[in-house]
Each structure stands twice: as C-alpha cells, then as structure tokens.
Amino acid sequence: AIQIAEATKKGIDSDGGLWYEYDPEKKELIAEKH
C-alpha cells in the first residue's frame, strides 16, 4: 500500500488532480483527469 502510493505520486499534477494513465512505451501521458 505504501509502495504503490509512492509510485502513484508521479501521477499527481501540480493542481492536486490525478492523471488518468501513462503509456511507458510511447512515453506519453493520457492527459485527462477522470
């Protein structure tokens, strides 16, 4: 739970919203906040 929360921090935007998904192969953020 702690390790996953730490990893998820990378998906938090400066406004506090959590981005939807990240494509590691394309190095591309799916820039939506559902």
PDB file of all heavy atoms in Angstrom:
ATOM      1  N   ALA A   1       0.832  -1.210   0.000  1.00  0.00           N
ATOM      2  CA  ALA A   1       0.000   0.000   0.000  1.00  0.00           C
ATOM      3  C   ALA A   1       0.864   1.257   0.000  1.00  0.00           C
ATOM      4  O   ALA A   1       0.571   2.227  -0.714  1.00  0.00           O
ATOM      5  CB  ALA A   1      -0.923   0.001   1.221  1.00  0.00           C
ATOM      6  N   ILE A   2       1.944   1.229   0.768  1.00  0.00           N
ATOM      7  CA  ILE A   2       2.837   2.392   0.832  1.00  0.00           C
ATOM      8  C   ILE A   2       3.643   2.522  -0.459  1.00  0.00           C
ATOM      9  O   ILE A   2       3.767   3.623  -1.022  1.00  0.00           O
ATOM     10  CB  ILE A   2       3.771   2.286   2.057  1.00  0.00           C
ATOM     11  CG1 ILE A   2       2.944   2.314   3.357  1.00  0.00           C
ATOM     12  CG2 ILE A   2       4.790   3.421   2.063  1.00  0.00           C
ATOM     13  CD1 ILE A   2       3.689   1.825   4.579  1.00  0.00           C
ATOM     14  N   GLN A   3       4.176   1.396  -0.948  1.00  0.00           N
ATOM     15  CA  GLN A   3       4.978   1.461  -2.178  1.00  0.00           C
ATOM     16  C   GLN A   3       4.142   1.930  -3.365  1.00  0.00           C
ATOM     17  O   GLN A   3       4.587   2.763  -4.168  1.00  0.00           O
ATOM     18  CB  GLN A   3       5.607   0.095  -2.506  1.00  0.00           C
ATOM     19  CG  GLN A   3       6.569   0.200  -3.699  1.00  0.00           C
ATOM     20  CD  GLN A   3       7.004  -1.141  -4.266  1.00  0.00           C
ATOM     21  OE1 GLN A   3       6.367  -2.170  -4.032  1.00  0.00           O
ATOM     22  NE2 GLN A   3       8.079  -1.122  -5.036  1.00  0.00           N
ATOM     23  N   ILE A   4       2.921   1.412  -3.481  1.00  0.00           N
ATOM     24  CA  ILE A   4       2.059   1.805  -4.605  1.00  0.00           C
ATOM     25  C   ILE A   4       1.665   3.277  -4.486  1.00  0.00           C
ATOM     26  O   ILE A   4       1.640   4.000  -5.483  1.00  0.00           O
ATOM     27  CB  ILE A   4       0.817   0.892  -4.695  1.00  0.00           C
ATOM     28  CG1 ILE A   4       1.225  -0.556  -5.014  1.00  0.00           C
ATOM     29  CG2 ILE A   4      -0.145   1.397  -5.771  1.00  0.00           C
ATOM     30  CD1 ILE A   4       0.092  -1.568  -4.885  1.00  0.00           C
ATOM     31  N   ALA A   5       1.366   3.729  -3.271  1.00  0.00           N
ATOM     32  CA  ALA A   5       1.045   5.150  -3.079  1.00  0.00           C
ATOM     33  C   ALA A   5       2.222   6.024  -3.493  1.00  0.00           C
ATOM     34  O   ALA A   5       2.039   7.056  -4.160  1.00  0.00           O
ATOM     35  CB  ALA A   5       0.668   5.409  -1.622  1.00  0.00           C
ATOM     36  N   GLU A   6       3.416   5.614  -3.120  1.00  0.00           N
ATOM     37  CA  GLU A   6       4.626   6.354  -3.520  1.00  0.00           C
ATOM     38  C   GLU A   6       4.730   6.431  -5.045  1.00  0.00           C
ATOM     39  O   GLU A   6       5.014   7.487  -5.610  1.00  0.00           O
ATOM     40  CB  GLU A   6       5.878   5.680  -2.948  1.00  0.00           C
ATOM     41  CG  GLU A   6       6.270   6.149  -1.581  1.00  0.00           C
ATOM     42  CD  GLU A   6       6.653   7.625  -1.553  1.00  0.00           C
ATOM     43  OE1 GLU A   6       7.473   8.063  -2.382  1.00  0.00           O
ATOM     44  OE2 GLU A   6       6.103   8.355  -0.713  1.00  0.00           O
ATOM     45  N   ALA A   7       4.508   5.289  -5.717  1.00  0.00           N
ATOM     46  CA  ALA A   7       4.611   5.250  -7.181  1.00  0.00           C
ATOM     47  C   ALA A   7       3.521   6.097  -7.835  1.00  0.00           C
ATOM     48  O   ALA A   7       3.751   6.738  -8.865  1.00  0.00           O
ATOM     49  CB  ALA A   7       4.523   3.803  -7.668  1.00  0.00           C
ATOM     50  N   THR A   8       2.340   6.129  -7.215  1.00  0.00           N
ATOM     51  CA  THR A   8       1.218   6.890  -7.779  1.00  0.00           C
ATOM     52  C   THR A   8       1.454   8.396  -7.678  1.00  0.00           C
ATOM     53  O   THR A   8       0.878   9.165  -8.446  1.00  0.00           O
ATOM     54  CB  THR A   8      -0.102   6.502  -7.073  1.00  0.00           C
ATOM     55  OG1 THR A   8      -0.266   5.081  -7.125  1.00  0.00           O
ATOM     56  CG2 THR A   8      -1.315   7.151  -7.746  1.00  0.00           C
ATOM     57  N   LYS A   9       2.298   8.819  -6.751  1.00  0.00           N
ATOM     58  CA  LYS A   9       2.602  10.248  -6.615  1.00  0.00           C
ATOM     59  C   LYS A   9       3.078  10.860  -7.935  1.00  0.00           C
ATOM     60  O   LYS A   9       2.846  12.035  -8.200  1.00  0.00           O
ATOM     61  CB  LYS A   9       3.666  10.467  -5.535  1.00  0.00           C
ATOM     62  CG  LYS A   9       3.102  10.534  -4.133  1.00  0.00           C
ATOM     63  CD  LYS A   9       4.128  10.385  -3.024  1.00  0.00           C
ATOM     64  CE  LYS A   9       5.364  11.207  -3.189  1.00  0.00           C
ATOM     65  NZ  LYS A   9       6.286  11.054  -2.034  1.00  0.00           N
ATOM     66  N   LYS A  10       3.710  10.008  -8.773  1.00  0.00           N
ATOM     67  CA  LYS A  10       4.183  10.509 -10.081  1.00  0.00           C
ATOM     68  C   LYS A  10       3.032  10.967 -10.962  1.00  0.00           C
ATOM     69  O   LYS A  10       3.214  11.755 -11.885  1.00  0.00           O
ATOM     70  CB  LYS A  10       4.964   9.407 -10.817  1.00  0.00           C
ATOM     71  CG  LYS A  10       6.224   8.952 -10.105  1.00  0.00           C
ATOM     72  CD  LYS A  10       6.778   7.705 -10.797  1.00  0.00           C
ATOM     73  CE  LYS A  10       7.716   6.923  -9.862  1.00  0.00           C
ATOM     74  NZ  LYS A  10       7.815   5.516 -10.235  1.00  0.00           N
ATOM     75  N   GLY A  11       1.840  10.445 -10.684  1.00  0.00           N
ATOM     76  CA  GLY A  11       0.674  10.802 -11.490  1.00  0.00           C
ATOM     77  C   GLY A  11      -0.097  11.999 -10.970  1.00  0.00           C
ATOM     78  O   GLY A  11      -1.106  12.402 -11.565  1.00  0.00           O
ATOM     79  N   ILE A  12       0.360  12.580  -9.857  1.00  0.00           N
ATOM     80  CA  ILE A  12      -0.334  13.744  -9.287  1.00  0.00           C
ATOM     81  C   ILE A  12       0.183  15.016  -9.953  1.00  0.00           C
ATOM     82  O   ILE A  12       1.383  15.289  -9.969  1.00  0.00           O
ATOM     83  CB  ILE A  12      -0.088  13.847  -7.769  1.00  0.00           C
ATOM     84  CG1 ILE A  12      -0.563  12.576  -7.073  1.00  0.00           C
ATOM     85  CG2 ILE A  12      -0.757  15.091  -7.201  1.00  0.00           C
ATOM     86  CD1 ILE A  12      -1.961  12.570  -6.568  1.00  0.00           C
ATOM     87  N   ASP A  13      -0.716  15.790 -10.497  1.00  0.00           N
ATOM     88  CA  ASP A  13      -0.364  17.065 -11.130  1.00  0.00           C
ATOM     89  C   ASP A  13      -0.183  18.152 -10.062  1.00  0.00           C
ATOM     90  O   ASP A  13      -0.591  17.979  -8.912  1.00  0.00           O
ATOM     91  CB  ASP A  13      -1.482  17.455 -12.108  1.00  0.00           C
ATOM     92  CG  ASP A  13      -1.078  18.578 -13.060  1.00  0.00           C
ATOM     93  OD1 ASP A  13       0.121  18.924 -13.116  1.00  0.00           O
ATOM     94  OD2 ASP A  13      -1.975  19.116 -13.733  1.00  0.00           O
ATOM     95  N   SER A  14       0.392  19.253 -10.452  1.00  0.00           N
ATOM     96  CA  SER A  14       0.639  20.353  -9.506  1.00  0.00           C
ATOM     97  C   SER A  14      -0.658  20.920  -8.924  1.00  0.00           C
ATOM     98  O   SER A  14      -0.649  21.533  -7.857  1.00  0.00           O
ATOM     99  CB  SER A  14       1.430  21.470 -10.189  1.00  0.00           C
ATOM    100  OG  SER A  14       0.726  21.928 -11.330  1.00  0.00           O
ATOM    101  N   ASP A  15      -1.783  20.698  -9.612  1.00  0.00           N
ATOM    102  CA  ASP A  15      -3.074  21.199  -9.110  1.00  0.00           C
ATOM    103  C   ASP A  15      -3.742  20.236  -8.123  1.00  0.00           C
ATOM    104  O   ASP A  15      -4.832  20.504  -7.619  1.00  0.00           O
ATOM    105  CB  ASP A  15      -4.023  21.507 -10.279  1.00  0.00           C
ATOM    106  CG  ASP A  15      -4.347  20.277 -11.118  1.00  0.00           C
ATOM    107  OD1 ASP A  15      -3.984  19.149 -10.719  1.00  0.00           O
ATOM    108  OD2 ASP A  15      -4.945  20.434 -12.193  1.00  0.00           O
ATOM    109  N   GLY A  16      -3.108  19.092  -7.866  1.00  0.00           N
ATOM    110  CA  GLY A  16      -3.668  18.108  -6.940  1.00  0.00           C
ATOM    111  C   GLY A  16      -4.472  17.010  -7.606  1.00  0.00           C
ATOM    112  O   GLY A  16      -4.834  16.032  -6.960  1.00  0.00           O
ATOM    113  N   GLY A  17      -4.767  17.164  -8.901  1.00  0.00           N
ATOM    114  CA  GLY A  17      -5.524  16.144  -9.619  1.00  0.00           C
ATOM    115  C   GLY A  17      -4.640  14.974 -10.020  1.00  0.00           C
ATOM    116  O   GLY A  17      -3.433  15.132 -10.236  1.00  0.00           O
ATOM    117  N   LEU A  18      -5.232  13.792 -10.115  1.00  0.00           N
ATOM    118  CA  LEU A  18      -4.504  12.590 -10.529  1.00  0.00           C
ATOM    119  C   LEU A  18      -4.764  12.334 -12.009  1.00  0.00           C
ATOM    120  O   LEU A  18      -5.913  12.202 -12.430  1.00  0.00           O
ATOM    121  CB  LEU A  18      -4.960  11.385  -9.692  1.00  0.00           C
ATOM    122  CG  LEU A  18      -4.264  10.049  -9.967  1.00  0.00           C
ATOM    123  CD1 LEU A  18      -2.766  10.127  -9.671  1.00  0.00           C
ATOM    124  CD2 LEU A  18      -4.898   8.926  -9.144  1.00  0.00           C
ATOM    125  N   TRP A  19      -3.688  12.276 -12.786  1.00  0.00           N
ATOM    126  CA  TRP A  19      -3.818  11.976 -14.214  1.00  0.00           C
ATOM    127  C   TRP A  19      -4.370  10.571 -14.405  1.00  0.00           C
ATOM    128  O   TRP A  19      -4.254   9.707 -13.519  1.00  0.00           O
ATOM    129  CB  TRP A  19      -2.474  12.098 -14.917  1.00  0.00           C
ATOM    130  CG  TRP A  19      -1.932  13.491 -14.998  1.00  0.00           C
ATOM    131  CD1 TRP A  19      -0.838  13.993 -14.362  1.00  0.00           C
ATOM    132  CD2 TRP A  19      -2.456  14.575 -15.787  1.00  0.00           C
ATOM    133  NE1 TRP A  19      -0.644  15.312 -14.688  1.00  0.00           N
ATOM    134  CE2 TRP A  19      -1.619  15.706 -15.571  1.00  0.00           C
ATOM    135  CE3 TRP A  19      -3.551  14.711 -16.649  1.00  0.00           C
ATOM    136  CZ2 TRP A  19      -1.853  16.936 -16.172  1.00  0.00           C
ATOM    137  CZ3 TRP A  19      -3.772  15.927 -17.255  1.00  0.00           C
ATOM    138  CH2 TRP A  19      -2.940  17.026 -17.023  1.00  0.00           C
ATOM    139  N   TYR A  20      -4.925  10.321 -15.594  1.00  0.00           N
ATOM    140  CA  TYR A  20      -5.613   9.062 -15.876  1.00  0.00           C
ATOM    141  C   TYR A  20      -4.627   7.904 -16.066  1.00  0.00           C
ATOM    142  O   TYR A  20      -4.598   6.959 -15.282  1.00  0.00           O
ATOM    143  CB  TYR A  20      -6.499   9.254 -17.111  1.00  0.00           C
ATOM    144  CG  TYR A  20      -7.343   8.062 -17.479  1.00  0.00           C
ATOM    145  CD1 TYR A  20      -8.057   7.354 -16.519  1.00  0.00           C
ATOM    146  CD2 TYR A  20      -7.439   7.645 -18.807  1.00  0.00           C
ATOM    147  CE1 TYR A  20      -8.839   6.277 -16.858  1.00  0.00           C
ATOM    148  CE2 TYR A  20      -8.226   6.566 -19.159  1.00  0.00           C
ATOM    149  CZ  TYR A  20      -8.923   5.875 -18.186  1.00  0.00           C
ATOM    150  OH  TYR A  20      -9.694   4.806 -18.530  1.00  0.00           O
ATOM    151  N   GLU A  21      -3.802   7.990 -17.101  1.00  0.00           N
ATOM    152  CA  GLU A  21      -2.892   6.890 -17.437  1.00  0.00           C
ATOM    153  C   GLU A  21      -1.594   7.431 -18.039  1.00  0.00           C
ATOM    154  O   GLU A  21      -1.549   8.564 -18.517  1.00  0.00           O
ATOM    155  CB  GLU A  21      -3.543   5.938 -18.467  1.00  0.00           C
ATOM    156  CG  GLU A  21      -4.719   5.146 -17.941  1.00  0.00           C
ATOM    157  CD  GLU A  21      -5.422   4.306 -18.999  1.00  0.00           C
ATOM    158  OE1 GLU A  21      -5.196   4.548 -20.211  1.00  0.00           O
ATOM    159  OE2 GLU A  21      -6.192   3.421 -18.618  1.00  0.00           O
ATOM    160  N   TYR A  22      -0.582   6.560 -18.037  1.00  0.00           N
ATOM    161  CA  TYR A  22       0.687   6.884 -18.685  1.00  0.00           C
ATOM    162  C   TYR A  22       1.101   5.693 -19.529  1.00  0.00           C
ATOM    163  O   TYR A  22       1.037   4.543 -19.070  1.00  0.00           O
ATOM    164  CB  TYR A  22       1.765   7.183 -17.637  1.00  0.00           C
ATOM    165  CG  TYR A  22       3.121   7.490 -18.235  1.00  0.00           C
ATOM    166  CD1 TYR A  22       3.377   8.727 -18.824  1.00  0.00           C
ATOM    167  CD2 TYR A  22       4.139   6.535 -18.229  1.00  0.00           C
ATOM    168  CE1 TYR A  22       4.620   9.013 -19.391  1.00  0.00           C
ATOM    169  CE2 TYR A  22       5.379   6.806 -18.786  1.00  0.00           C
ATOM    170  CZ  TYR A  22       5.618   8.046 -19.357  1.00  0.00           C
ATOM    171  OH  TYR A  22       6.844   8.321 -19.927  1.00  0.00           O
ATOM    172  N   ASP A  23       1.495   5.953 -20.771  1.00  0.00           N
ATOM    173  CA  ASP A  23       1.942   4.901 -21.687  1.00  0.00           C
ATOM    174  C   ASP A  23       3.470   4.872 -21.680  1.00  0.00           C
ATOM    175  O   ASP A  23       4.110   5.745 -22.271  1.00  0.00           O
ATOM    176  CB  ASP A  23       1.420   5.169 -23.102  1.00  0.00           C
ATOM    177  CG  ASP A  23       1.679   4.001 -24.049  1.00  0.00           C
ATOM    178  OD1 ASP A  23       2.684   3.291 -23.841  1.00  0.00           O
ATOM    179  OD2 ASP A  23       0.892   3.821 -24.990  1.00  0.00           O
ATOM    180  N   PRO A  24       4.093   3.905 -20.994  1.00  0.00           N
ATOM    181  CA  PRO A  24       5.551   3.892 -20.892  1.00  0.00           C
ATOM    182  C   PRO A  24       6.246   3.656 -22.225  1.00  0.00           C
ATOM    183  O   PRO A  24       7.351   4.150 -22.460  1.00  0.00           O
ATOM    184  CB  PRO A  24       5.845   2.736 -19.929  1.00  0.00           C
ATOM    185  CG  PRO A  24       4.556   2.194 -19.471  1.00  0.00           C
ATOM    186  CD  PRO A  24       3.471   2.795 -20.303  1.00  0.00           C
ATOM    187  N   GLU A  25       5.579   2.880 -23.109  1.00  0.00           N
ATOM    188  CA  GLU A  25       6.201   2.582 -24.402  1.00  0.00           C
ATOM    189  C   GLU A  25       6.303   3.848 -25.258  1.00  0.00           C
ATOM    190  O   GLU A  25       7.341   4.141 -25.847  1.00  0.00           O
ATOM    191  CB  GLU A  25       5.378   1.509 -25.138  1.00  0.00           C
ATOM    192  CG  GLU A  25       6.120   0.902 -26.321  1.00  0.00           C
ATOM    193  CD  GLU A  25       5.318  -0.210 -26.986  1.00  0.00           C
ATOM    194  OE1 GLU A  25       4.774  -1.067 -26.262  1.00  0.00           O
ATOM    195  OE2 GLU A  25       5.252  -0.199 -28.220  1.00  0.00           O
ATOM    196  N   LYS A  26       5.235   4.618 -25.289  1.00  0.00           N
ATOM    197  CA  LYS A  26       5.231   5.866 -26.080  1.00  0.00           C
ATOM    198  C   LYS A  26       5.760   7.048 -25.272  1.00  0.00           C
ATOM    199  O   LYS A  26       5.898   8.146 -25.810  1.00  0.00           O
ATOM    200  CB  LYS A  26       3.802   6.177 -26.543  1.00  0.00           C
ATOM    201  CG  LYS A  26       3.213   5.159 -27.500  1.00  0.00           C
ATOM    202  CD  LYS A  26       1.792   5.577 -27.880  1.00  0.00           C
ATOM    203  CE  LYS A  26       1.134   4.546 -28.776  1.00  0.00           C
ATOM    204  NZ  LYS A  26      -0.293   4.882 -29.005  1.00  0.00           N
ATOM    205  N   LYS A  27       6.005   6.801 -23.957  1.00  0.00           N
ATOM    206  CA  LYS A  27       6.382   7.893 -23.041  1.00  0.00           C
ATOM    207  C   LYS A  27       5.379   9.043 -23.152  1.00  0.00           C
ATOM    208  O   LYS A  27       5.741  10.213 -23.321  1.00  0.00           O
ATOM    209  CB  LYS A  27       7.799   8.390 -23.339  1.00  0.00           C
ATOM    210  CG  LYS A  27       8.874   7.349 -23.076  1.00  0.00           C
ATOM    211  CD  LYS A  27      10.250   7.968 -23.102  1.00  0.00           C
ATOM    212  CE  LYS A  27      11.271   7.027 -22.505  1.00  0.00           C
ATOM    213  NZ  LYS A  27      11.974   6.186 -23.421  1.00  0.00           N
ATOM    214  N   GLU A  28       4.118   8.655 -23.055  1.00  0.00           N
ATOM    215  CA  GLU A  28       3.034   9.606 -23.322  1.00  0.00           C
ATOM    216  C   GLU A  28       2.004   9.563 -22.190  1.00  0.00           C
ATOM    217  O   GLU A  28       1.534   8.496 -21.797  1.00  0.00           O
ATOM    218  CB  GLU A  28       2.371   9.214 -24.643  1.00  0.00           C
ATOM    219  CG  GLU A  28       1.349  10.190 -25.167  1.00  0.00           C
ATOM    220  CD  GLU A  28       0.847   9.738 -26.540  1.00  0.00           C
ATOM    221  OE1 GLU A  28       1.576   9.950 -27.526  1.00  0.00           O
ATOM    222  OE2 GLU A  28      -0.248   9.151 -26.612  1.00  0.00           O
ATOM    223  N   LEU A  29       1.666  10.742 -21.686  1.00  0.00           N
ATOM    224  CA  LEU A  29       0.648  10.864 -20.651  1.00  0.00           C
ATOM    225  C   LEU A  29      -0.727  10.960 -21.305  1.00  0.00           C
ATOM    226  O   LEU A  29      -0.904  11.698 -22.281  1.00  0.00           O
ATOM    227  CB  LEU A  29       0.910  12.123 -19.826  1.00  0.00           C
ATOM    228  CG  LEU A  29       0.009  12.368 -18.616  1.00  0.00           C
ATOM    229  CD1 LEU A  29       0.324  11.383 -17.495  1.00  0.00           C
ATOM    230  CD2 LEU A  29       0.196  13.797 -18.121  1.00  0.00           C
ATOM    231  N   ILE A  30      -1.682  10.169 -20.808  1.00  0.00           N
ATOM    232  CA  ILE A  30      -3.071  10.346 -21.241  1.00  0.00           C
ATOM    233  C   ILE A  30      -3.600  11.482 -20.369  1.00  0.00           C
ATOM    234  O   ILE A  30      -3.972  11.283 -19.212  1.00  0.00           O
ATOM    235  CB  ILE A  30      -3.897   9.056 -21.094  1.00  0.00           C
ATOM    236  CG1 ILE A  30      -3.442   8.010 -22.133  1.00  0.00           C
ATOM    237  CG2 ILE A  30      -5.370   9.333 -21.341  1.00  0.00           C
ATOM    238  CD1 ILE A  30      -2.234   7.236 -21.796  1.00  0.00           C
ATOM    239  N   ALA A  31      -3.582  12.692 -20.963  1.00  0.00           N
ATOM    240  CA  ALA A  31      -3.738  13.927 -20.175  1.00  0.00           C
ATOM    241  C   ALA A  31      -5.208  14.237 -19.875  1.00  0.00           C
ATOM    242  O   ALA A  31      -5.775  15.223 -20.342  1.00  0.00           O
ATOM    243  CB  ALA A  31      -3.067  15.088 -20.892  1.00  0.00           C
ATOM    244  N   GLU A  32      -5.812  13.354 -19.122  1.00  0.00           N
ATOM    245  CA  GLU A  32      -7.188  13.523 -18.665  1.00  0.00           C
ATOM    246  C   GLU A  32      -7.224  13.223 -17.174  1.00  0.00           C
ATOM    247  O   GLU A  32      -6.420  12.427 -16.669  1.00  0.00           O
ATOM    248  CB  GLU A  32      -8.127  12.555 -19.395  1.00  0.00           C
ATOM    249  CG  GLU A  32      -8.123  12.708 -20.900  1.00  0.00           C
ATOM    250  CD  GLU A  32      -8.826  11.578 -21.636  1.00  0.00           C
ATOM    251  OE1 GLU A  32      -9.252  10.595 -20.971  1.00  0.00           O
ATOM    252  OE2 GLU A  32      -8.925  11.657 -22.872  1.00  0.00           O
ATOM    253  N   LYS A  33      -8.159  13.853 -16.485  1.00  0.00           N
ATOM    254  CA  LYS A  33      -8.347  13.581 -15.057  1.00  0.00           C
ATOM    255  C   LYS A  33      -9.793  13.146 -14.852  1.00  0.00           C
ATOM    256  O   LYS A  33     -10.689  13.985 -14.811  1.00  0.00           O
ATOM    257  CB  LYS A  33      -8.000  14.825 -14.227  1.00  0.00           C
ATOM    258  CG  LYS A  33      -6.517  15.179 -14.288  1.00  0.00           C
ATOM    259  CD  LYS A  33      -6.241  16.570 -13.762  1.00  0.00           C
ATOM    260  CE  LYS A  33      -4.780  16.935 -13.978  1.00  0.00           C
ATOM    261  NZ  LYS A  33      -4.548  18.376 -13.833  1.00  0.00           N
ATOM    262  N   HIS A  34      -9.990  11.830 -14.821  1.00  0.00           N
ATOM    263  CA  HIS A  34     -11.334  11.275 -14.672  1.00  0.00           C
ATOM    264  C   HIS A  34     -11.768  11.331 -13.215  1.00  0.00           C
ATOM    265  O   HIS A  34     -10.944  11.401 -12.303  1.00  0.00           O
ATOM    266  CB  HIS A  34     -11.373   9.831 -15.164  1.00  0.00           C
ATOM    267  CG  HIS A  34     -11.117   9.692 -16.625  1.00  0.00           C
ATOM    268  ND1 HIS A  34     -11.451   8.560 -17.337  1.00  0.00           N
ATOM    269  CD2 HIS A  34     -10.564  10.536 -17.538  1.00  0.00           C
ATOM    270  CE1 HIS A  34     -11.113   8.710 -18.610  1.00  0.00           C
ATOM    271  NE2 HIS A  34     -10.570   9.895 -18.752  1.00  0.00           N
TER     272      HIS A  34
END
